[in-house]
N, C-alpha and C. Protein backbone atom coordinates (compact mmCIF):
# COMPACT_ATOMS: atom_id res chain seq x y z
N MET A 1 -54.90 94.54 8.68
CA MET A 1 -54.32 93.71 7.65
C MET A 1 -53.49 94.56 6.68
N ARG A 2 -54.09 95.66 6.26
CA ARG A 2 -53.38 96.54 5.33
C ARG A 2 -52.12 97.13 5.98
N ARG A 3 -52.21 97.46 7.26
CA ARG A 3 -51.05 98.01 7.99
C ARG A 3 -49.92 96.99 8.04
N ALA A 4 -50.23 95.72 8.32
CA ALA A 4 -49.21 94.67 8.37
C ALA A 4 -48.55 94.50 6.99
N PHE A 5 -49.35 94.59 5.95
CA PHE A 5 -48.83 94.48 4.58
C PHE A 5 -47.85 95.62 4.30
N MET A 6 -48.22 96.84 4.67
CA MET A 6 -47.38 98.01 4.43
C MET A 6 -46.08 97.93 5.25
N VAL A 7 -46.17 97.44 6.48
CA VAL A 7 -44.97 97.28 7.31
C VAL A 7 -44.04 96.25 6.65
N GLY A 8 -44.62 95.17 6.17
CA GLY A 8 -43.82 94.14 5.50
C GLY A 8 -43.11 94.68 4.26
N ILE A 9 -43.83 95.45 3.48
CA ILE A 9 -43.24 96.07 2.28
C ILE A 9 -42.11 97.01 2.69
N SER A 10 -42.34 97.82 3.70
CA SER A 10 -41.35 98.79 4.16
C SER A 10 -40.09 98.09 4.66
N VAL A 11 -40.26 97.03 5.44
CA VAL A 11 -39.11 96.28 5.95
C VAL A 11 -38.34 95.66 4.78
N GLY A 12 -39.05 95.11 3.81
CA GLY A 12 -38.41 94.51 2.64
C GLY A 12 -37.61 95.52 1.85
N LEU A 13 -38.18 96.69 1.62
CA LEU A 13 -37.47 97.73 0.88
C LEU A 13 -36.25 98.22 1.65
N ALA A 14 -36.40 98.43 2.94
CA ALA A 14 -35.28 98.89 3.76
C ALA A 14 -34.16 97.85 3.75
N SER A 15 -34.52 96.57 3.86
CA SER A 15 -33.51 95.51 3.83
C SER A 15 -32.78 95.51 2.50
N GLY A 16 -33.52 95.68 1.42
CA GLY A 16 -32.91 95.71 0.09
C GLY A 16 -31.94 96.87 -0.06
N LEU A 17 -32.32 98.02 0.47
CA LEU A 17 -31.45 99.19 0.37
C LEU A 17 -30.19 99.01 1.21
N LEU A 18 -30.33 98.40 2.37
CA LEU A 18 -29.17 98.20 3.24
C LEU A 18 -28.26 97.08 2.75
N LEU A 19 -28.83 95.99 2.28
CA LEU A 19 -28.04 94.84 1.87
C LEU A 19 -27.65 94.88 0.41
N GLY A 20 -28.32 95.67 -0.39
CA GLY A 20 -28.04 95.75 -1.82
C GLY A 20 -26.59 96.03 -2.16
N PRO A 21 -25.97 97.04 -1.54
CA PRO A 21 -24.57 97.32 -1.88
C PRO A 21 -23.64 96.15 -1.57
N ALA A 22 -23.93 95.37 -0.56
CA ALA A 22 -23.08 94.23 -0.23
C ALA A 22 -23.15 93.16 -1.31
N VAL A 23 -24.29 93.02 -1.94
CA VAL A 23 -24.47 92.02 -2.97
C VAL A 23 -23.68 92.38 -4.22
N HIS A 24 -23.49 93.66 -4.50
CA HIS A 24 -22.82 94.09 -5.71
C HIS A 24 -21.33 94.29 -5.53
N ARG A 25 -20.77 93.78 -4.46
CA ARG A 25 -19.35 93.90 -4.19
C ARG A 25 -18.56 93.19 -5.28
N ALA A 26 -17.41 93.72 -5.63
CA ALA A 26 -16.59 93.10 -6.66
C ALA A 26 -16.16 91.71 -6.23
N GLN A 27 -16.21 90.78 -7.17
CA GLN A 27 -15.85 89.40 -6.89
C GLN A 27 -14.75 88.96 -7.83
N ALA A 28 -13.71 88.35 -7.28
CA ALA A 28 -12.64 87.81 -8.10
C ALA A 28 -13.12 86.49 -8.71
N ILE A 29 -12.62 86.19 -9.91
CA ILE A 29 -12.87 84.89 -10.52
C ILE A 29 -11.98 83.91 -9.77
N LYS A 30 -12.57 82.93 -9.12
CA LYS A 30 -11.85 82.06 -8.19
C LYS A 30 -10.59 81.43 -8.80
N PRO A 31 -10.63 80.83 -9.99
CA PRO A 31 -9.39 80.26 -10.53
C PRO A 31 -8.29 81.30 -10.77
N PHE A 32 -8.67 82.51 -11.16
CA PHE A 32 -7.67 83.56 -11.36
C PHE A 32 -7.06 83.93 -10.01
N GLU A 33 -7.92 84.07 -9.02
CA GLU A 33 -7.47 84.42 -7.67
C GLU A 33 -6.52 83.34 -7.13
N MET A 34 -6.89 82.08 -7.31
CA MET A 34 -6.08 80.99 -6.77
C MET A 34 -4.71 80.89 -7.46
N GLU A 35 -4.67 81.17 -8.75
CA GLU A 35 -3.38 81.16 -9.47
C GLU A 35 -2.50 82.32 -9.01
N PHE A 36 -3.11 83.48 -8.76
CA PHE A 36 -2.34 84.61 -8.22
C PHE A 36 -1.76 84.21 -6.87
N TYR A 37 -2.59 83.62 -6.01
CA TYR A 37 -2.13 83.18 -4.69
C TYR A 37 -0.97 82.18 -4.82
N ALA A 38 -1.13 81.20 -5.71
CA ALA A 38 -0.10 80.17 -5.87
C ALA A 38 1.21 80.76 -6.36
N LYS A 39 1.12 81.75 -7.21
CA LYS A 39 2.33 82.36 -7.79
C LYS A 39 3.03 83.31 -6.82
N TYR A 40 2.27 84.10 -6.10
CA TYR A 40 2.87 85.20 -5.35
C TYR A 40 2.84 85.09 -3.83
N LEU A 41 2.03 84.21 -3.29
CA LEU A 41 1.93 84.15 -1.83
C LEU A 41 2.71 82.97 -1.27
N LYS A 42 3.28 83.19 -0.11
CA LYS A 42 4.03 82.14 0.60
C LYS A 42 3.51 82.09 2.04
N PRO A 43 2.31 81.55 2.23
CA PRO A 43 1.69 81.61 3.56
C PRO A 43 2.43 80.79 4.62
N ASN A 44 3.25 79.84 4.21
CA ASN A 44 3.98 79.02 5.19
C ASN A 44 5.40 79.49 5.43
N SER A 45 5.77 80.60 4.81
CA SER A 45 7.11 81.15 4.97
C SER A 45 7.29 81.71 6.37
N SER A 46 8.52 81.64 6.86
CA SER A 46 8.81 82.25 8.16
C SER A 46 9.31 83.69 7.98
N ASP A 47 9.50 84.12 6.74
CA ASP A 47 9.95 85.48 6.45
C ASP A 47 8.80 86.46 6.75
N PRO A 48 9.05 87.44 7.60
CA PRO A 48 7.99 88.41 7.94
C PRO A 48 7.44 89.15 6.71
N LYS A 49 8.28 89.41 5.70
CA LYS A 49 7.81 90.10 4.49
C LYS A 49 6.81 89.23 3.73
N ASP A 50 7.10 87.92 3.64
CA ASP A 50 6.18 87.01 2.97
C ASP A 50 4.86 86.93 3.72
N LYS A 51 4.94 86.86 5.03
CA LYS A 51 3.71 86.79 5.85
C LYS A 51 2.89 88.08 5.71
N ALA A 52 3.57 89.21 5.72
CA ALA A 52 2.88 90.50 5.61
C ALA A 52 2.20 90.63 4.25
N TYR A 53 2.89 90.19 3.19
CA TYR A 53 2.28 90.29 1.85
C TYR A 53 1.07 89.36 1.73
N THR A 54 1.22 88.16 2.27
CA THR A 54 0.10 87.21 2.24
C THR A 54 -1.11 87.81 2.96
N GLU A 55 -0.88 88.40 4.11
CA GLU A 55 -1.99 89.01 4.86
C GLU A 55 -2.59 90.19 4.10
N LEU A 56 -1.75 91.01 3.48
CA LEU A 56 -2.22 92.15 2.70
C LEU A 56 -3.14 91.68 1.58
N VAL A 57 -2.71 90.66 0.84
CA VAL A 57 -3.50 90.17 -0.29
C VAL A 57 -4.79 89.51 0.20
N TYR A 58 -4.70 88.70 1.27
CA TYR A 58 -5.91 88.07 1.81
C TYR A 58 -6.92 89.11 2.27
N ASN A 59 -6.44 90.21 2.85
CA ASN A 59 -7.34 91.27 3.30
C ASN A 59 -7.91 92.06 2.13
N ALA A 60 -7.12 92.25 1.10
CA ALA A 60 -7.58 93.01 -0.07
C ALA A 60 -8.60 92.22 -0.88
N LYS A 61 -8.48 90.90 -0.87
CA LYS A 61 -9.39 90.00 -1.61
C LYS A 61 -9.51 90.43 -3.06
N CYS A 62 -10.70 90.72 -3.49
CA CYS A 62 -10.96 91.03 -4.90
C CYS A 62 -10.35 92.36 -5.32
N PHE A 63 -9.94 93.17 -4.35
CA PHE A 63 -9.38 94.47 -4.68
C PHE A 63 -7.93 94.38 -5.17
N VAL A 64 -7.41 93.15 -5.29
CA VAL A 64 -6.12 92.99 -5.96
C VAL A 64 -6.28 93.44 -7.42
N CYS A 65 -7.43 93.13 -8.01
CA CYS A 65 -7.69 93.45 -9.42
C CYS A 65 -8.84 94.44 -9.63
N HIS A 66 -9.70 94.57 -8.64
CA HIS A 66 -10.90 95.40 -8.78
C HIS A 66 -10.84 96.63 -7.89
N GLU A 67 -11.74 97.56 -8.20
CA GLU A 67 -11.90 98.76 -7.37
C GLU A 67 -13.37 99.13 -7.38
N GLY A 68 -13.80 99.83 -6.39
CA GLY A 68 -15.20 100.23 -6.33
C GLY A 68 -16.12 99.08 -5.97
N LYS A 69 -17.40 99.28 -6.21
CA LYS A 69 -18.41 98.29 -5.81
C LYS A 69 -18.85 97.38 -6.94
N SER A 70 -18.53 97.72 -8.16
CA SER A 70 -18.96 96.92 -9.30
C SER A 70 -17.84 95.97 -9.71
N LYS A 71 -18.19 94.72 -9.98
CA LYS A 71 -17.17 93.77 -10.40
C LYS A 71 -16.62 94.11 -11.78
N LYS A 72 -17.25 95.03 -12.46
CA LYS A 72 -16.76 95.48 -13.76
C LYS A 72 -15.70 96.58 -13.61
N SER A 73 -15.58 97.16 -12.43
CA SER A 73 -14.59 98.21 -12.19
C SER A 73 -13.27 97.57 -11.80
N ARG A 74 -12.31 97.67 -12.68
CA ARG A 74 -11.00 97.08 -12.43
C ARG A 74 -9.96 98.19 -12.24
N ASN A 75 -8.96 97.89 -11.43
CA ASN A 75 -7.83 98.80 -11.30
C ASN A 75 -6.90 98.54 -12.49
N ALA A 76 -5.78 99.23 -12.57
CA ALA A 76 -4.87 99.12 -13.73
C ALA A 76 -4.39 97.68 -13.92
N TYR A 77 -4.07 97.00 -12.84
CA TYR A 77 -3.61 95.62 -12.92
C TYR A 77 -4.73 94.71 -13.45
N GLY A 78 -5.90 94.87 -12.93
CA GLY A 78 -7.04 94.07 -13.36
C GLY A 78 -7.41 94.32 -14.81
N ARG A 79 -7.27 95.57 -15.26
CA ARG A 79 -7.57 95.88 -16.66
C ARG A 79 -6.60 95.16 -17.60
N GLN A 80 -5.34 95.10 -17.22
CA GLN A 80 -4.35 94.41 -18.06
C GLN A 80 -4.64 92.91 -18.11
N LEU A 81 -4.98 92.33 -16.97
CA LEU A 81 -5.31 90.90 -16.95
C LEU A 81 -6.57 90.63 -17.77
N ALA A 82 -7.54 91.52 -17.69
CA ALA A 82 -8.79 91.34 -18.43
C ALA A 82 -8.56 91.37 -19.94
N GLU A 83 -7.53 92.06 -20.38
CA GLU A 83 -7.19 92.08 -21.80
C GLU A 83 -6.68 90.71 -22.27
N LEU A 84 -6.11 89.95 -21.35
CA LEU A 84 -5.48 88.67 -21.70
C LEU A 84 -6.32 87.45 -21.36
N LEU A 85 -7.25 87.62 -20.42
CA LEU A 85 -8.03 86.48 -19.93
C LEU A 85 -9.52 86.72 -20.08
N ASP A 86 -10.23 85.67 -20.41
CA ASP A 86 -11.69 85.70 -20.47
C ASP A 86 -12.21 84.84 -19.32
N LYS A 87 -13.07 85.41 -18.49
CA LYS A 87 -13.54 84.70 -17.30
C LYS A 87 -14.27 83.40 -17.62
N ASP A 88 -14.90 83.31 -18.77
CA ASP A 88 -15.64 82.11 -19.12
C ASP A 88 -14.78 81.05 -19.80
N THR A 89 -13.97 81.46 -20.76
CA THR A 89 -13.22 80.45 -21.52
C THR A 89 -11.87 80.11 -20.92
N ASP A 90 -11.31 80.97 -20.07
CA ASP A 90 -9.97 80.73 -19.54
C ASP A 90 -9.92 80.28 -18.09
N LYS A 91 -11.06 80.22 -17.42
CA LYS A 91 -11.05 79.94 -15.99
C LYS A 91 -10.48 78.56 -15.64
N ASP A 92 -10.50 77.62 -16.58
CA ASP A 92 -9.96 76.28 -16.32
C ASP A 92 -8.59 76.07 -16.96
N ASN A 93 -8.01 77.11 -17.53
CA ASN A 93 -6.74 77.00 -18.22
C ASN A 93 -5.63 77.59 -17.35
N LYS A 94 -5.08 76.77 -16.45
CA LYS A 94 -4.07 77.26 -15.51
C LYS A 94 -2.84 77.80 -16.22
N GLN A 95 -2.45 77.16 -17.31
CA GLN A 95 -1.27 77.62 -18.04
C GLN A 95 -1.49 79.02 -18.60
N LYS A 96 -2.64 79.27 -19.19
CA LYS A 96 -2.93 80.59 -19.75
C LYS A 96 -3.00 81.64 -18.65
N ILE A 97 -3.60 81.29 -17.52
CA ILE A 97 -3.68 82.22 -16.39
C ILE A 97 -2.27 82.56 -15.91
N ASP A 98 -1.43 81.54 -15.77
CA ASP A 98 -0.06 81.74 -15.30
C ASP A 98 0.73 82.61 -16.28
N GLU A 99 0.57 82.35 -17.57
CA GLU A 99 1.25 83.15 -18.59
C GLU A 99 0.77 84.60 -18.56
N ALA A 100 -0.52 84.81 -18.35
CA ALA A 100 -1.06 86.16 -18.27
C ALA A 100 -0.50 86.89 -17.04
N LEU A 101 -0.43 86.20 -15.91
CA LEU A 101 0.13 86.81 -14.71
C LEU A 101 1.58 87.22 -14.95
N ASP A 102 2.35 86.34 -15.61
CA ASP A 102 3.76 86.66 -15.92
C ASP A 102 3.86 87.87 -16.85
N LYS A 103 3.03 87.88 -17.89
CA LYS A 103 3.08 88.97 -18.87
C LYS A 103 2.72 90.30 -18.23
N VAL A 104 1.67 90.31 -17.43
CA VAL A 104 1.26 91.56 -16.78
C VAL A 104 2.30 92.00 -15.75
N ALA A 105 2.94 91.07 -15.09
CA ALA A 105 3.99 91.42 -14.12
C ALA A 105 5.12 92.20 -14.78
N ARG A 106 5.37 91.95 -16.06
CA ARG A 106 6.44 92.65 -16.78
C ARG A 106 6.00 94.02 -17.32
N MET A 107 4.71 94.31 -17.26
CA MET A 107 4.19 95.58 -17.78
C MET A 107 4.42 96.72 -16.79
N HIS A 108 4.67 97.90 -17.33
CA HIS A 108 4.85 99.09 -16.49
C HIS A 108 3.50 99.60 -16.03
N ILE A 109 3.45 100.09 -14.80
CA ILE A 109 2.18 100.59 -14.28
C ILE A 109 1.71 101.81 -15.05
N ASP A 110 2.65 102.55 -15.61
CA ASP A 110 2.32 103.65 -16.51
C ASP A 110 2.89 103.27 -17.87
N PRO A 111 2.05 102.77 -18.77
CA PRO A 111 2.56 102.29 -20.05
C PRO A 111 3.27 103.36 -20.89
N LYS A 112 3.04 104.62 -20.58
CA LYS A 112 3.70 105.71 -21.33
C LYS A 112 5.07 106.05 -20.75
N ASN A 113 5.40 105.46 -19.60
CA ASN A 113 6.66 105.77 -18.93
C ASN A 113 7.43 104.48 -18.68
N VAL A 114 8.42 104.21 -19.52
CA VAL A 114 9.18 102.97 -19.38
C VAL A 114 10.05 102.95 -18.13
N HIS A 115 10.13 104.07 -17.44
CA HIS A 115 10.89 104.13 -16.19
C HIS A 115 10.00 103.91 -14.96
N SER A 116 8.70 103.81 -15.20
CA SER A 116 7.80 103.54 -14.07
C SER A 116 7.99 102.08 -13.66
N PRO A 117 7.69 101.76 -12.41
CA PRO A 117 7.83 100.36 -11.97
C PRO A 117 6.85 99.46 -12.72
N THR A 118 7.18 98.20 -12.74
CA THR A 118 6.26 97.21 -13.32
C THR A 118 5.31 96.73 -12.23
N PHE A 119 4.26 96.05 -12.65
CA PHE A 119 3.35 95.45 -11.67
C PHE A 119 4.13 94.44 -10.83
N GLY A 120 5.06 93.73 -11.46
CA GLY A 120 5.89 92.77 -10.74
C GLY A 120 6.78 93.44 -9.71
N ASP A 121 7.27 94.65 -10.03
CA ASP A 121 8.07 95.41 -9.07
C ASP A 121 7.25 95.71 -7.82
N LEU A 122 5.99 96.09 -8.02
CA LEU A 122 5.12 96.39 -6.87
C LEU A 122 4.92 95.13 -6.02
N ILE A 123 4.66 94.02 -6.69
CA ILE A 123 4.46 92.76 -5.96
C ILE A 123 5.73 92.41 -5.18
N ALA A 124 6.89 92.51 -5.83
CA ALA A 124 8.16 92.19 -5.17
C ALA A 124 8.42 93.12 -3.98
N ALA A 125 7.89 94.33 -4.04
CA ALA A 125 8.06 95.30 -2.94
C ALA A 125 7.02 95.10 -1.85
N GLY A 126 6.16 94.10 -2.01
CA GLY A 126 5.15 93.83 -0.99
C GLY A 126 3.93 94.73 -1.07
N LYS A 127 3.67 95.26 -2.27
CA LYS A 127 2.51 96.13 -2.46
C LYS A 127 1.50 95.46 -3.37
N LEU A 128 0.27 95.93 -3.30
CA LEU A 128 -0.76 95.42 -4.19
C LEU A 128 -0.46 95.91 -5.60
N PRO A 129 -0.54 95.04 -6.60
CA PRO A 129 -0.17 95.45 -7.95
C PRO A 129 -1.09 96.51 -8.56
N GLY A 130 -2.33 96.55 -8.12
CA GLY A 130 -3.27 97.54 -8.64
C GLY A 130 -3.32 98.81 -7.84
N GLY A 131 -2.48 98.93 -6.85
CA GLY A 131 -2.46 100.11 -6.00
C GLY A 131 -3.23 99.87 -4.72
N GLU A 132 -3.52 100.93 -4.04
CA GLU A 132 -4.18 100.87 -2.75
C GLU A 132 -5.56 100.24 -2.85
N SER A 133 -5.90 99.38 -1.89
CA SER A 133 -7.22 98.76 -1.89
C SER A 133 -8.26 99.73 -1.36
N GLN A 134 -9.51 99.35 -1.47
CA GLN A 134 -10.62 100.16 -0.97
C GLN A 134 -10.52 100.37 0.53
N LYS A 135 -9.84 99.48 1.21
CA LYS A 135 -9.74 99.59 2.66
C LYS A 135 -8.61 100.53 3.07
N GLY A 136 -7.93 101.10 2.09
CA GLY A 136 -6.85 102.04 2.41
C GLY A 136 -5.56 101.34 2.76
N GLU A 137 -5.44 100.06 2.40
CA GLU A 137 -4.22 99.33 2.71
C GLU A 137 -3.29 99.38 1.52
N GLN A 138 -2.03 99.35 1.78
CA GLN A 138 -1.04 99.29 0.71
C GLN A 138 0.08 98.41 1.13
């Protein structure tokens, strides 16, 4: 009986250690994600560049704005959006989300260098606005 109990505990702990990192994966706020998709993706376009960008963003998922395993870890693009949007109070405000996306698109990726590209420039070039995703895609 005691052996079965110990095996059960061991299996439970091992499962927690293996599955734990998957649970803490960064998650996009769905309304923010959907507004980004509506603004920048053209999934029905016949243009290969539009299709490639749509696939890139769909594969990157939450890594459009986040990096690492914690949903609190944001890339440069995500940090700028987080300054303008609150996940609790703004998630139902499509106009505010859209305005924030527009404002951040005009920001330079290096705020100290006005000659650096903007986040919008990266998007227009078919790149992720926050840089390379965790999967090594760009």
